[in-house]
Amino acid sequence: MPNYHYASTRKGNREFWTRQVQAYHLSGLSQKEFCQKNGLIYTSFGYWKRRLERSAKAEGIEFVEIDVAAVAENSAAITLCV
């Protein structure tokens, strides 16, 4: 069942979808699987993902994938700044 509990304000909507896209990137799931698991409408998720990633790119922010297993093997430290 889709999750229609979105915020009633633009700022709230943006924050909601930002959290969803971040969770998706960490999930390791396909977009379709992530949406099904979290009750999200696939097309809405795709729209917001593209919109947020375009916005982040324009601001010089980029999503990058980190191989946690490789980091653990090398015992290197990672600092994330948000």
N, C-alpha and C. Protein backbone atom coordinates (compact mmCIF):
# COMPACT_ATOMS: atom_id res chain seq x y z
N MET A 1 0.85 -1.18 0.00
CA MET A 1 0.00 0.00 0.00
C MET A 1 0.90 1.24 0.00
N PRO A 2 0.64 2.19 -0.89
CA PRO A 2 1.48 3.39 -0.98
C PRO A 2 1.45 4.23 0.29
N ASN A 3 2.56 4.88 0.55
CA ASN A 3 2.71 5.74 1.71
C ASN A 3 2.31 7.16 1.33
N TYR A 4 1.09 7.56 1.65
CA TYR A 4 0.60 8.89 1.30
C TYR A 4 0.79 9.88 2.43
N HIS A 5 1.65 9.56 3.36
CA HIS A 5 1.88 10.42 4.51
C HIS A 5 2.98 11.44 4.20
N TYR A 6 2.82 12.17 3.11
CA TYR A 6 3.78 13.18 2.73
C TYR A 6 3.46 14.47 3.48
N ALA A 7 4.41 15.35 3.55
CA ALA A 7 4.22 16.62 4.26
C ALA A 7 3.29 17.54 3.49
N SER A 8 2.69 18.47 4.20
CA SER A 8 1.74 19.38 3.58
C SER A 8 2.40 20.66 3.06
N THR A 9 3.69 20.81 3.26
CA THR A 9 4.39 22.00 2.76
C THR A 9 5.47 21.58 1.77
N ARG A 10 5.86 22.52 0.93
CA ARG A 10 6.92 22.22 -0.04
C ARG A 10 8.21 21.83 0.66
N LYS A 11 8.56 22.59 1.71
CA LYS A 11 9.79 22.30 2.45
C LYS A 11 9.70 20.92 3.08
N GLY A 12 8.54 20.61 3.65
CA GLY A 12 8.34 19.30 4.26
C GLY A 12 8.42 18.18 3.24
N ASN A 13 7.85 18.41 2.05
CA ASN A 13 7.92 17.42 0.99
C ASN A 13 9.36 17.18 0.56
N ARG A 14 10.10 18.26 0.39
CA ARG A 14 11.50 18.15 -0.03
C ARG A 14 12.31 17.37 1.03
N GLU A 15 12.07 17.67 2.28
CA GLU A 15 12.77 16.96 3.36
C GLU A 15 12.40 15.48 3.37
N PHE A 16 11.11 15.19 3.21
CA PHE A 16 10.64 13.81 3.17
C PHE A 16 11.35 13.04 2.06
N TRP A 17 11.34 13.59 0.85
CA TRP A 17 11.92 12.90 -0.29
C TRP A 17 13.43 12.85 -0.21
N THR A 18 14.06 13.85 0.39
CA THR A 18 15.51 13.81 0.59
C THR A 18 15.87 12.62 1.48
N ARG A 19 15.11 12.42 2.55
CA ARG A 19 15.36 11.27 3.44
C ARG A 19 15.15 9.95 2.70
N GLN A 20 14.11 9.90 1.86
CA GLN A 20 13.82 8.67 1.11
C GLN A 20 14.94 8.35 0.12
N VAL A 21 15.42 9.37 -0.59
CA VAL A 21 16.49 9.15 -1.58
C VAL A 21 17.78 8.74 -0.88
N GLN A 22 18.07 9.35 0.25
CA GLN A 22 19.26 8.96 1.01
C GLN A 22 19.14 7.51 1.48
N ALA A 23 17.98 7.15 1.98
CA ALA A 23 17.76 5.77 2.44
C ALA A 23 17.88 4.79 1.28
N TYR A 24 17.38 5.19 0.12
CA TYR A 24 17.48 4.33 -1.07
C TYR A 24 18.95 4.08 -1.41
N HIS A 25 19.75 5.13 -1.41
CA HIS A 25 21.17 4.98 -1.75
C HIS A 25 21.88 4.03 -0.78
N LEU A 26 21.46 4.01 0.45
CA LEU A 26 22.08 3.13 1.45
C LEU A 26 21.51 1.72 1.45
N SER A 27 20.35 1.54 0.82
CA SER A 27 19.63 0.28 0.91
C SER A 27 20.21 -0.86 0.09
N GLY A 28 20.83 -0.55 -1.03
CA GLY A 28 21.32 -1.60 -1.92
C GLY A 28 20.22 -2.24 -2.75
N LEU A 29 19.02 -1.71 -2.66
CA LEU A 29 17.88 -2.24 -3.42
C LEU A 29 17.73 -1.48 -4.74
N SER A 30 16.99 -2.08 -5.67
CA SER A 30 16.63 -1.36 -6.89
C SER A 30 15.57 -0.32 -6.49
N GLN A 31 15.34 0.66 -7.36
CA GLN A 31 14.33 1.68 -7.05
C GLN A 31 12.96 1.04 -6.84
N LYS A 32 12.63 0.10 -7.71
CA LYS A 32 11.33 -0.56 -7.62
C LYS A 32 11.19 -1.32 -6.30
N GLU A 33 12.22 -2.08 -5.92
CA GLU A 33 12.19 -2.83 -4.66
C GLU A 33 12.08 -1.88 -3.47
N PHE A 34 12.86 -0.79 -3.51
CA PHE A 34 12.83 0.18 -2.41
C PHE A 34 11.44 0.78 -2.25
N CYS A 35 10.83 1.15 -3.36
CA CYS A 35 9.49 1.74 -3.30
C CYS A 35 8.46 0.75 -2.78
N GLN A 36 8.52 -0.48 -3.24
CA GLN A 36 7.59 -1.50 -2.76
C GLN A 36 7.76 -1.74 -1.27
N LYS A 37 8.99 -1.84 -0.82
CA LYS A 37 9.28 -2.11 0.59
C LYS A 37 8.83 -0.97 1.49
N ASN A 38 8.90 0.28 0.99
CA ASN A 38 8.60 1.44 1.81
C ASN A 38 7.26 2.10 1.48
N GLY A 39 6.45 1.44 0.65
CA GLY A 39 5.13 1.95 0.35
C GLY A 39 5.13 3.27 -0.41
N LEU A 40 6.12 3.45 -1.29
CA LEU A 40 6.22 4.70 -2.06
C LEU A 40 5.73 4.48 -3.48
N ILE A 41 5.20 5.52 -4.08
CA ILE A 41 4.79 5.44 -5.47
C ILE A 41 6.05 5.57 -6.33
N TYR A 42 6.28 4.57 -7.15
CA TYR A 42 7.51 4.47 -7.94
C TYR A 42 7.76 5.71 -8.80
N THR A 43 6.74 6.19 -9.48
CA THR A 43 6.93 7.36 -10.36
C THR A 43 7.22 8.63 -9.56
N SER A 44 6.60 8.77 -8.40
CA SER A 44 6.87 9.93 -7.54
C SER A 44 8.29 9.87 -7.01
N PHE A 45 8.71 8.68 -6.62
CA PHE A 45 10.08 8.52 -6.13
C PHE A 45 11.08 8.89 -7.22
N GLY A 46 10.86 8.39 -8.43
CA GLY A 46 11.76 8.67 -9.54
C GLY A 46 11.83 10.15 -9.85
N TYR A 47 10.68 10.83 -9.81
CA TYR A 47 10.64 12.28 -10.06
C TYR A 47 11.49 13.01 -9.02
N TRP A 48 11.27 12.71 -7.75
CA TRP A 48 12.00 13.40 -6.68
C TRP A 48 13.48 13.04 -6.68
N LYS A 49 13.80 11.80 -6.98
CA LYS A 49 15.20 11.40 -7.04
C LYS A 49 15.94 12.22 -8.09
N ARG A 50 15.36 12.30 -9.29
CA ARG A 50 15.98 13.10 -10.37
C ARG A 50 16.07 14.57 -9.97
N ARG A 51 15.00 15.09 -9.43
CA ARG A 51 14.95 16.51 -9.05
C ARG A 51 16.02 16.83 -7.99
N LEU A 52 16.11 16.01 -6.96
CA LEU A 52 17.07 16.26 -5.89
C LEU A 52 18.51 16.07 -6.36
N GLU A 53 18.75 15.08 -7.19
CA GLU A 53 20.10 14.85 -7.69
C GLU A 53 20.54 15.95 -8.63
N ARG A 54 19.61 16.46 -9.46
CA ARG A 54 19.94 17.61 -10.32
C ARG A 54 20.26 18.83 -9.48
N SER A 55 19.46 19.06 -8.45
CA SER A 55 19.66 20.19 -7.56
C SER A 55 21.00 20.08 -6.83
N ALA A 56 21.31 18.88 -6.35
CA ALA A 56 22.56 18.65 -5.64
C ALA A 56 23.75 18.86 -6.58
N LYS A 57 23.61 18.40 -7.81
CA LYS A 57 24.70 18.56 -8.78
C LYS A 57 24.93 20.03 -9.09
N ALA A 58 23.86 20.81 -9.21
CA ALA A 58 23.97 22.24 -9.48
C ALA A 58 24.66 22.96 -8.31
N GLU A 59 24.50 22.43 -7.11
CA GLU A 59 25.12 23.02 -5.92
C GLU A 59 26.51 22.44 -5.67
N GLY A 60 26.97 21.55 -6.56
CA GLY A 60 28.29 20.96 -6.40
C GLY A 60 28.31 19.79 -5.44
N ILE A 61 27.14 19.24 -5.13
CA ILE A 61 27.03 18.09 -4.22
C ILE A 61 26.84 16.85 -5.09
N GLU A 62 27.49 15.77 -4.72
CA GLU A 62 27.38 14.55 -5.50
C GLU A 62 27.21 13.35 -4.59
N PHE A 63 26.32 12.43 -4.97
CA PHE A 63 26.17 11.18 -4.24
C PHE A 63 27.26 10.24 -4.71
N VAL A 64 27.93 9.61 -3.79
CA VAL A 64 28.96 8.64 -4.14
C VAL A 64 28.71 7.36 -3.36
N GLU A 65 29.04 6.23 -3.99
CA GLU A 65 28.87 4.94 -3.34
C GLU A 65 30.17 4.59 -2.62
N ILE A 66 30.04 4.11 -1.42
CA ILE A 66 31.21 3.73 -0.62
C ILE A 66 31.13 2.24 -0.36
N ASP A 67 32.20 1.53 -0.66
CA ASP A 67 32.28 0.10 -0.41
C ASP A 67 32.73 -0.10 1.04
N VAL A 68 31.77 -0.31 1.91
CA VAL A 68 32.05 -0.42 3.34
C VAL A 68 32.95 -1.61 3.65
N ALA A 69 32.78 -2.70 2.95
CA ALA A 69 33.61 -3.88 3.20
C ALA A 69 35.08 -3.58 2.92
N ALA A 70 35.35 -2.85 1.84
CA ALA A 70 36.74 -2.51 1.51
C ALA A 70 37.33 -1.57 2.55
N VAL A 71 36.52 -0.67 3.06
CA VAL A 71 36.99 0.26 4.09
C VAL A 71 37.32 -0.50 5.36
N ALA A 72 36.47 -1.44 5.75
CA ALA A 72 36.69 -2.22 6.97
C ALA A 72 37.98 -3.03 6.86
N GLU A 73 38.24 -3.60 5.68
CA GLU A 73 39.46 -4.39 5.48
C GLU A 73 40.71 -3.53 5.62
N ASN A 74 40.63 -2.30 5.15
CA ASN A 74 41.78 -1.40 5.20
C ASN A 74 41.82 -0.59 6.49
N SER A 75 40.82 -0.76 7.33
CA SER A 75 40.67 -0.04 8.60
C SER A 75 40.90 1.47 8.48
N ALA A 76 40.42 2.03 7.39
CA ALA A 76 40.51 3.47 7.19
C ALA A 76 39.29 4.14 7.81
N ALA A 77 39.45 5.38 8.19
CA ALA A 77 38.34 6.14 8.76
C ALA A 77 37.67 6.96 7.67
N ILE A 78 36.36 7.11 7.80
CA ILE A 78 35.60 7.92 6.85
C ILE A 78 34.87 8.99 7.64
N THR A 79 34.95 10.21 7.16
CA THR A 79 34.20 11.31 7.74
C THR A 79 33.25 11.83 6.69
N LEU A 80 31.96 11.84 7.02
CA LEU A 80 30.94 12.37 6.11
C LEU A 80 30.47 13.70 6.61
N CYS A 81 30.47 14.69 5.74
CA CYS A 81 29.96 16.02 6.08
C CYS A 81 28.69 16.26 5.30
N VAL A 82 27.64 16.58 6.00
CA VAL A 82 26.35 16.82 5.37
C VAL A 82 26.00 18.27 5.48
